[in-house]
Every structure is written in C-alpha cells, then in structure tokens.
Amino acid sequence: MSEAPDVETAWTWLVERRPGTRGWFDDTLPPIAAAAYAEPVLRRLFPFHTHGTLKFIRDAPPWPEPPVDDLPFILLGEPPYIVYASGYGTRLGVAATADDAIGLVVAHLPPELIDDAAGSITHREA
C-alpha cells in the first residue's frame, strides 16, 4: 500500500479514494473523510486509515516506529460513530452523524494544536 509523502497528498488520496492507498477500499470512510477534510484543524494533520478507524497523526512520514498516536480517532462503520481517545483508553462519545463525530474529535484535541491554528484557521461549528 502506498503511503502518502505529505499531509496534503494524504488528504487528496483519502478523499478521492485513490486505489492502492489507505482507505480506498472502505465504503464506510467517505462521509467521515469528507467531514474531517472540511475541518481546517484536522486538515493540518496526517489522516491515517487503519483497522477500521480514521486516526490523525501530527506529522507526515517517515515516522518513528511506531508512529506517535496520541490523538482522538473515529471507529468507522455505519452510524452512530464512536470516538475514542488514543489507544481505545477512553470512549469520548457517540455521534449520530459524521459532522458530529468530527466535532467530538476536534473538541478533544490537545490545546496546542488548536492554539497553533489560532488566527489563521476559523473552526466550523460541529
């Protein structure tokens, strides 16, 4: 499976469902991918589809082994969507829609990610 070399390419491949890349085969991913892409703060992160989830990684590859996985993520499937803290440690909530699931992710991002985006990014309402 090809790994995107940067954040922008990863989002393009994910949203377009480019064959042979992460998530292209997962029919439950498009609504979540579209809602995540519409959120400017998340668009700055590397989208990482793996094992029926959509995770967000702070940096593009190459990553340390294993990649730093410390952000909330979404368990994919049919709605409702479940949002977890990294490592399945805490269930952050259940959302009826993709937009609501993305809102839960953004609400639980570390403050430094939101602060880094302040001024240049306007958050959409979830």
N, C-alpha and C. Protein backbone atom coordinates (compact mmCIF):
# COMPACT_ATOMS: atom_id res chain seq x y z
N MET A 1 0.85 -1.18 0.00
CA MET A 1 0.00 0.00 0.00
C MET A 1 0.90 1.24 0.00
N SER A 2 0.64 2.16 -0.88
CA SER A 2 1.42 3.39 -0.95
C SER A 2 1.09 4.30 0.22
N GLU A 3 2.11 4.87 0.79
CA GLU A 3 1.93 5.84 1.87
C GLU A 3 2.16 7.22 1.28
N ALA A 4 1.26 8.13 1.54
CA ALA A 4 1.40 9.50 1.03
C ALA A 4 2.64 10.15 1.64
N PRO A 5 3.36 10.94 0.87
CA PRO A 5 4.59 11.54 1.36
C PRO A 5 4.39 12.78 2.22
N ASP A 6 3.18 13.36 2.17
CA ASP A 6 2.92 14.58 2.93
C ASP A 6 1.44 14.66 3.28
N VAL A 7 1.10 15.61 4.13
CA VAL A 7 -0.26 15.74 4.63
C VAL A 7 -1.25 16.05 3.50
N GLU A 8 -0.92 17.00 2.65
CA GLU A 8 -1.84 17.39 1.58
C GLU A 8 -2.13 16.22 0.63
N THR A 9 -1.10 15.48 0.25
CA THR A 9 -1.30 14.33 -0.62
C THR A 9 -2.15 13.27 0.07
N ALA A 10 -1.91 13.04 1.36
CA ALA A 10 -2.68 12.05 2.10
C ALA A 10 -4.17 12.39 2.07
N TRP A 11 -4.50 13.66 2.29
CA TRP A 11 -5.91 14.06 2.24
C TRP A 11 -6.49 13.89 0.84
N THR A 12 -5.74 14.28 -0.17
CA THR A 12 -6.22 14.14 -1.55
C THR A 12 -6.51 12.68 -1.86
N TRP A 13 -5.59 11.80 -1.54
CA TRP A 13 -5.78 10.38 -1.82
C TRP A 13 -6.95 9.82 -1.02
N LEU A 14 -7.09 10.24 0.21
CA LEU A 14 -8.17 9.73 1.07
C LEU A 14 -9.53 10.16 0.54
N VAL A 15 -9.68 11.44 0.25
CA VAL A 15 -10.98 11.95 -0.20
C VAL A 15 -11.32 11.41 -1.59
N GLU A 16 -10.33 11.28 -2.46
CA GLU A 16 -10.56 10.77 -3.81
C GLU A 16 -10.67 9.24 -3.86
N ARG A 17 -10.32 8.57 -2.78
CA ARG A 17 -10.30 7.10 -2.71
C ARG A 17 -9.39 6.52 -3.80
N ARG A 18 -8.20 7.04 -3.84
CA ARG A 18 -7.22 6.60 -4.84
C ARG A 18 -6.90 5.11 -4.62
N PRO A 19 -7.09 4.27 -5.63
CA PRO A 19 -6.83 2.83 -5.48
C PRO A 19 -5.40 2.56 -5.00
N GLY A 20 -5.30 1.59 -4.10
CA GLY A 20 -4.00 1.17 -3.59
C GLY A 20 -3.47 2.02 -2.46
N THR A 21 -4.27 2.96 -1.97
CA THR A 21 -3.83 3.81 -0.86
C THR A 21 -4.73 3.55 0.35
N ARG A 22 -4.37 4.12 1.48
CA ARG A 22 -5.11 3.91 2.72
C ARG A 22 -6.58 4.28 2.56
N GLY A 23 -7.44 3.34 2.90
CA GLY A 23 -8.87 3.60 2.94
C GLY A 23 -9.62 3.51 1.64
N TRP A 24 -8.95 3.32 0.52
CA TRP A 24 -9.65 3.35 -0.77
C TRP A 24 -10.72 2.27 -0.86
N PHE A 25 -10.58 1.19 -0.13
CA PHE A 25 -11.49 0.05 -0.21
C PHE A 25 -12.64 0.12 0.81
N ASP A 26 -12.58 1.06 1.74
CA ASP A 26 -13.52 1.10 2.87
C ASP A 26 -14.73 1.96 2.52
N ASP A 27 -15.86 1.33 2.26
CA ASP A 27 -17.06 2.06 1.86
C ASP A 27 -17.68 2.87 3.00
N THR A 28 -17.25 2.65 4.24
CA THR A 28 -17.78 3.44 5.35
C THR A 28 -16.97 4.72 5.59
N LEU A 29 -15.85 4.86 4.91
CA LEU A 29 -14.96 6.00 5.13
C LEU A 29 -15.40 7.33 4.49
N PRO A 30 -16.00 7.36 3.30
CA PRO A 30 -16.26 8.65 2.65
C PRO A 30 -16.97 9.72 3.48
N PRO A 31 -18.05 9.43 4.22
CA PRO A 31 -18.67 10.52 4.97
C PRO A 31 -17.77 11.09 6.07
N ILE A 32 -17.02 10.23 6.72
CA ILE A 32 -16.10 10.69 7.77
C ILE A 32 -14.93 11.45 7.14
N ALA A 33 -14.39 10.94 6.05
CA ALA A 33 -13.27 11.61 5.38
C ALA A 33 -13.68 13.00 4.91
N ALA A 34 -14.85 13.12 4.33
CA ALA A 34 -15.32 14.43 3.85
C ALA A 34 -15.53 15.40 5.01
N ALA A 35 -16.13 14.93 6.09
CA ALA A 35 -16.35 15.80 7.26
C ALA A 35 -15.02 16.21 7.89
N ALA A 36 -14.07 15.28 7.97
CA ALA A 36 -12.77 15.60 8.54
C ALA A 36 -12.02 16.59 7.66
N TYR A 37 -12.08 16.40 6.36
CA TYR A 37 -11.40 17.31 5.44
C TYR A 37 -11.97 18.73 5.53
N ALA A 38 -13.24 18.83 5.83
CA ALA A 38 -13.88 20.15 5.94
C ALA A 38 -13.46 20.90 7.20
N GLU A 39 -12.80 20.21 8.12
CA GLU A 39 -12.35 20.84 9.38
C GLU A 39 -10.90 21.28 9.22
N PRO A 40 -10.64 22.58 9.15
CA PRO A 40 -9.28 23.07 8.90
C PRO A 40 -8.22 22.57 9.89
N VAL A 41 -8.57 22.43 11.14
CA VAL A 41 -7.58 21.96 12.12
C VAL A 41 -7.16 20.53 11.81
N LEU A 42 -8.11 19.69 11.44
CA LEU A 42 -7.78 18.30 11.11
C LEU A 42 -7.04 18.20 9.79
N ARG A 43 -7.34 19.09 8.88
CA ARG A 43 -6.68 19.08 7.57
C ARG A 43 -5.18 19.34 7.69
N ARG A 44 -4.75 19.85 8.82
CA ARG A 44 -3.32 20.08 9.07
C ARG A 44 -2.62 18.82 9.55
N LEU A 45 -3.41 17.79 9.90
CA LEU A 45 -2.87 16.53 10.41
C LEU A 45 -2.88 15.47 9.32
N PHE A 46 -2.07 14.44 9.49
CA PHE A 46 -1.99 13.35 8.52
C PHE A 46 -3.13 12.37 8.80
N PRO A 47 -4.05 12.17 7.84
CA PRO A 47 -5.14 11.21 8.04
C PRO A 47 -4.61 9.78 7.86
N PHE A 48 -4.92 8.93 8.81
CA PHE A 48 -4.34 7.59 8.82
C PHE A 48 -5.44 6.56 9.01
N HIS A 49 -5.87 5.93 7.92
CA HIS A 49 -6.90 4.89 7.96
C HIS A 49 -6.21 3.57 8.29
N THR A 50 -6.67 2.92 9.35
CA THR A 50 -6.11 1.63 9.71
C THR A 50 -7.09 0.84 10.55
N HIS A 51 -7.22 -0.44 10.26
CA HIS A 51 -8.02 -1.37 11.05
C HIS A 51 -9.41 -0.83 11.40
N GLY A 52 -10.11 -0.29 10.41
CA GLY A 52 -11.47 0.19 10.63
C GLY A 52 -11.59 1.47 11.42
N THR A 53 -10.52 2.26 11.41
CA THR A 53 -10.53 3.53 12.13
C THR A 53 -9.98 4.63 11.22
N LEU A 54 -10.28 5.87 11.57
CA LEU A 54 -9.60 7.01 10.98
C LEU A 54 -8.90 7.74 12.11
N LYS A 55 -7.58 7.71 12.04
CA LYS A 55 -6.74 8.36 13.04
C LYS A 55 -6.12 9.60 12.42
N PHE A 56 -5.56 10.42 13.29
CA PHE A 56 -4.91 11.65 12.85
C PHE A 56 -3.53 11.69 13.49
N ILE A 57 -2.50 11.82 12.66
CA ILE A 57 -1.12 11.82 13.11
C ILE A 57 -0.57 13.24 12.93
N ARG A 58 0.24 13.67 13.87
CA ARG A 58 0.75 15.04 13.85
C ARG A 58 1.69 15.34 12.69
N ASP A 59 2.40 14.34 12.21
CA ASP A 59 3.41 14.54 11.16
C ASP A 59 3.21 13.55 10.02
N ALA A 60 3.75 13.92 8.87
CA ALA A 60 3.77 13.02 7.71
C ALA A 60 4.95 12.06 7.86
N PRO A 61 4.94 10.95 7.12
CA PRO A 61 6.08 10.03 7.17
C PRO A 61 7.35 10.71 6.68
N PRO A 62 8.47 10.19 7.04
CA PRO A 62 8.69 8.96 7.79
C PRO A 62 8.45 9.18 9.28
N TRP A 63 7.88 8.15 9.91
CA TRP A 63 7.57 8.21 11.33
C TRP A 63 8.55 7.37 12.11
N PRO A 64 8.64 7.69 13.41
CA PRO A 64 9.36 6.74 14.27
C PRO A 64 8.53 5.46 14.31
N GLU A 65 9.12 4.38 14.71
CA GLU A 65 8.38 3.12 14.76
C GLU A 65 8.04 2.79 16.20
N PRO A 66 6.82 2.75 16.60
CA PRO A 66 5.62 3.05 15.83
C PRO A 66 5.38 4.56 15.79
N PRO A 67 4.49 5.04 14.89
CA PRO A 67 4.20 6.47 14.83
C PRO A 67 3.56 6.95 16.13
N VAL A 68 3.78 8.21 16.45
CA VAL A 68 3.16 8.80 17.64
C VAL A 68 1.65 8.85 17.39
N ASP A 69 0.92 8.16 18.22
CA ASP A 69 -0.53 8.02 18.07
C ASP A 69 -1.17 8.50 19.36
N ASP A 70 -1.32 9.82 19.49
CA ASP A 70 -1.79 10.38 20.76
C ASP A 70 -3.05 11.24 20.60
N LEU A 71 -3.72 11.16 19.45
CA LEU A 71 -4.88 12.00 19.19
C LEU A 71 -6.15 11.15 19.13
N PRO A 72 -7.31 11.77 19.36
CA PRO A 72 -8.57 11.03 19.27
C PRO A 72 -8.79 10.51 17.85
N PHE A 73 -9.59 9.45 17.76
CA PHE A 73 -9.86 8.84 16.46
C PHE A 73 -11.30 8.33 16.41
N ILE A 74 -11.72 7.96 15.21
CA ILE A 74 -13.10 7.52 14.97
C ILE A 74 -13.11 6.06 14.54
N LEU A 75 -13.97 5.30 15.18
CA LEU A 75 -14.23 3.93 14.77
C LEU A 75 -15.22 3.99 13.61
N LEU A 76 -14.82 3.48 12.46
CA LEU A 76 -15.66 3.56 11.27
C LEU A 76 -16.73 2.48 11.27
N GLY A 77 -17.68 2.64 10.40
CA GLY A 77 -18.79 1.73 10.25
C GLY A 77 -20.03 2.56 9.97
N GLU A 78 -21.15 1.95 10.11
CA GLU A 78 -22.41 2.68 9.95
C GLU A 78 -22.64 3.54 11.19
N PRO A 79 -23.31 4.68 11.04
CA PRO A 79 -23.62 5.50 12.21
C PRO A 79 -24.48 4.70 13.19
N PRO A 80 -24.39 4.95 14.46
CA PRO A 80 -23.60 6.03 15.07
C PRO A 80 -22.11 5.71 15.09
N TYR A 81 -21.31 6.77 15.10
CA TYR A 81 -19.86 6.66 15.12
C TYR A 81 -19.39 6.77 16.56
N ILE A 82 -18.35 6.02 16.88
CA ILE A 82 -17.77 6.08 18.22
C ILE A 82 -16.42 6.75 18.11
N VAL A 83 -16.18 7.71 19.00
CA VAL A 83 -14.92 8.44 19.04
C VAL A 83 -14.19 8.04 20.31
N TYR A 84 -12.91 7.69 20.15
CA TYR A 84 -12.08 7.26 21.27
C TYR A 84 -10.88 8.16 21.44
N ALA A 85 -10.38 8.20 22.66
CA ALA A 85 -9.06 8.77 22.91
C ALA A 85 -8.04 7.78 22.36
N SER A 86 -6.83 8.21 22.16
CA SER A 86 -5.83 7.31 21.58
C SER A 86 -5.72 6.03 22.41
N GLY A 87 -5.49 4.94 21.70
CA GLY A 87 -5.31 3.66 22.35
C GLY A 87 -6.57 3.02 22.89
N TYR A 88 -7.72 3.48 22.49
CA TYR A 88 -9.01 2.97 22.98
C TYR A 88 -9.15 3.13 24.49
N GLY A 89 -8.33 3.99 25.10
CA GLY A 89 -8.35 4.14 26.55
C GLY A 89 -9.66 4.69 27.08
N THR A 90 -10.22 5.65 26.41
CA THR A 90 -11.45 6.29 26.86
C THR A 90 -12.37 6.51 25.68
N ARG A 91 -13.62 6.12 25.86
CA ARG A 91 -14.62 6.43 24.84
C ARG A 91 -15.07 7.86 25.07
N LEU A 92 -14.84 8.71 24.07
CA LEU A 92 -15.15 10.14 24.21
C LEU A 92 -16.59 10.46 23.89
N GLY A 93 -17.24 9.61 23.12
CA GLY A 93 -18.64 9.85 22.80
C GLY A 93 -19.10 9.07 21.59
N VAL A 94 -20.40 9.15 21.39
CA VAL A 94 -21.06 8.52 20.26
C VAL A 94 -21.75 9.63 19.48
N ALA A 95 -21.62 9.59 18.15
CA ALA A 95 -22.17 10.65 17.31
C ALA A 95 -23.08 10.05 16.23
N ALA A 96 -24.20 10.69 16.02
CA ALA A 96 -25.17 10.22 15.03
C ALA A 96 -24.74 10.52 13.60
N THR A 97 -23.93 11.56 13.43
CA THR A 97 -23.52 11.96 12.08
C THR A 97 -22.00 12.08 11.99
N ALA A 98 -21.49 12.09 10.77
CA ALA A 98 -20.06 12.27 10.55
C ALA A 98 -19.61 13.63 11.07
N ASP A 99 -20.40 14.67 10.83
CA ASP A 99 -20.03 16.01 11.33
C ASP A 99 -19.94 16.04 12.85
N ASP A 100 -20.88 15.37 13.51
CA ASP A 100 -20.84 15.33 14.97
C ASP A 100 -19.62 14.56 15.47
N ALA A 101 -19.27 13.48 14.78
CA ALA A 101 -18.09 12.71 15.17
C ALA A 101 -16.83 13.56 15.04
N ILE A 102 -16.73 14.30 13.96
CA ILE A 102 -15.58 15.18 13.76
C ILE A 102 -15.56 16.27 14.83
N GLY A 103 -16.73 16.78 15.19
CA GLY A 103 -16.81 17.76 16.28
C GLY A 103 -16.27 17.22 17.58
N LEU A 104 -16.56 15.95 17.88
CA LEU A 104 -16.02 15.32 19.09
C LEU A 104 -14.49 15.21 19.03
N VAL A 105 -13.97 14.83 17.88
CA VAL A 105 -12.51 14.74 17.72
C VAL A 105 -11.89 16.11 17.99
N VAL A 106 -12.39 17.13 17.32
CA VAL A 106 -11.83 18.48 17.47
C VAL A 106 -11.94 18.97 18.92
N ALA A 107 -13.06 18.69 19.56
CA ALA A 107 -13.26 19.13 20.95
C ALA A 107 -12.26 18.48 21.90
N HIS A 108 -11.69 17.35 21.51
CA HIS A 108 -10.76 16.65 22.38
C HIS A 108 -9.31 16.69 21.89
N LEU A 109 -9.02 17.56 20.94
CA LEU A 109 -7.64 17.75 20.51
C LEU A 109 -6.87 18.47 21.60
N PRO A 110 -5.58 18.21 21.72
CA PRO A 110 -4.77 18.94 22.69
C PRO A 110 -4.78 20.44 22.38
N PRO A 111 -4.78 21.26 23.41
CA PRO A 111 -4.85 22.72 23.22
C PRO A 111 -3.78 23.27 22.29
N GLU A 112 -2.58 22.69 22.29
CA GLU A 112 -1.52 23.24 21.46
C GLU A 112 -1.85 23.13 19.97
N LEU A 113 -2.60 22.13 19.57
CA LEU A 113 -2.99 22.03 18.16
C LEU A 113 -3.98 23.13 17.79
N ILE A 114 -4.89 23.42 18.69
CA ILE A 114 -5.86 24.48 18.45
C ILE A 114 -5.15 25.84 18.52
N ASP A 115 -4.27 26.01 19.52
CA ASP A 115 -3.54 27.27 19.66
C ASP A 115 -2.65 27.54 18.46
N ASP A 116 -1.99 26.49 17.92
CA ASP A 116 -1.13 26.66 16.74
C ASP A 116 -1.93 27.15 15.54
N ALA A 117 -3.19 26.78 15.50
CA ALA A 117 -4.05 27.14 14.37
C ALA A 117 -4.75 28.48 14.57
N ALA A 118 -4.72 29.00 15.79
CA ALA A 118 -5.45 30.25 16.08
C ALA A 118 -4.97 31.39 15.19
N GLY A 119 -5.92 32.16 14.75
CA GLY A 119 -5.61 33.31 13.92
C GLY A 119 -5.65 32.99 12.44
N SER A 120 -5.14 31.84 12.04
CA SER A 120 -5.12 31.52 10.62
C SER A 120 -6.24 30.57 10.22
N ILE A 121 -6.90 29.95 11.21
CA ILE A 121 -7.95 29.00 10.91
C ILE A 121 -9.18 29.35 11.73
N THR A 122 -10.30 29.37 11.08
CA THR A 122 -11.57 29.55 11.77
C THR A 122 -12.24 28.18 11.85
N HIS A 123 -12.57 27.76 13.07
CA HIS A 123 -13.21 26.45 13.24
C HIS A 123 -14.66 26.55 12.82
N ARG A 124 -15.11 25.50 12.14
CA ARG A 124 -16.53 25.45 11.81
C ARG A 124 -17.26 24.89 13.00
N GLU A 125 -18.52 25.20 13.11
CA GLU A 125 -19.32 24.69 14.21
C GLU A 125 -19.67 23.24 13.93
N ALA A 126 -19.57 22.42 14.95
CA ALA A 126 -19.92 20.99 14.79
C ALA A 126 -21.36 20.77 15.17
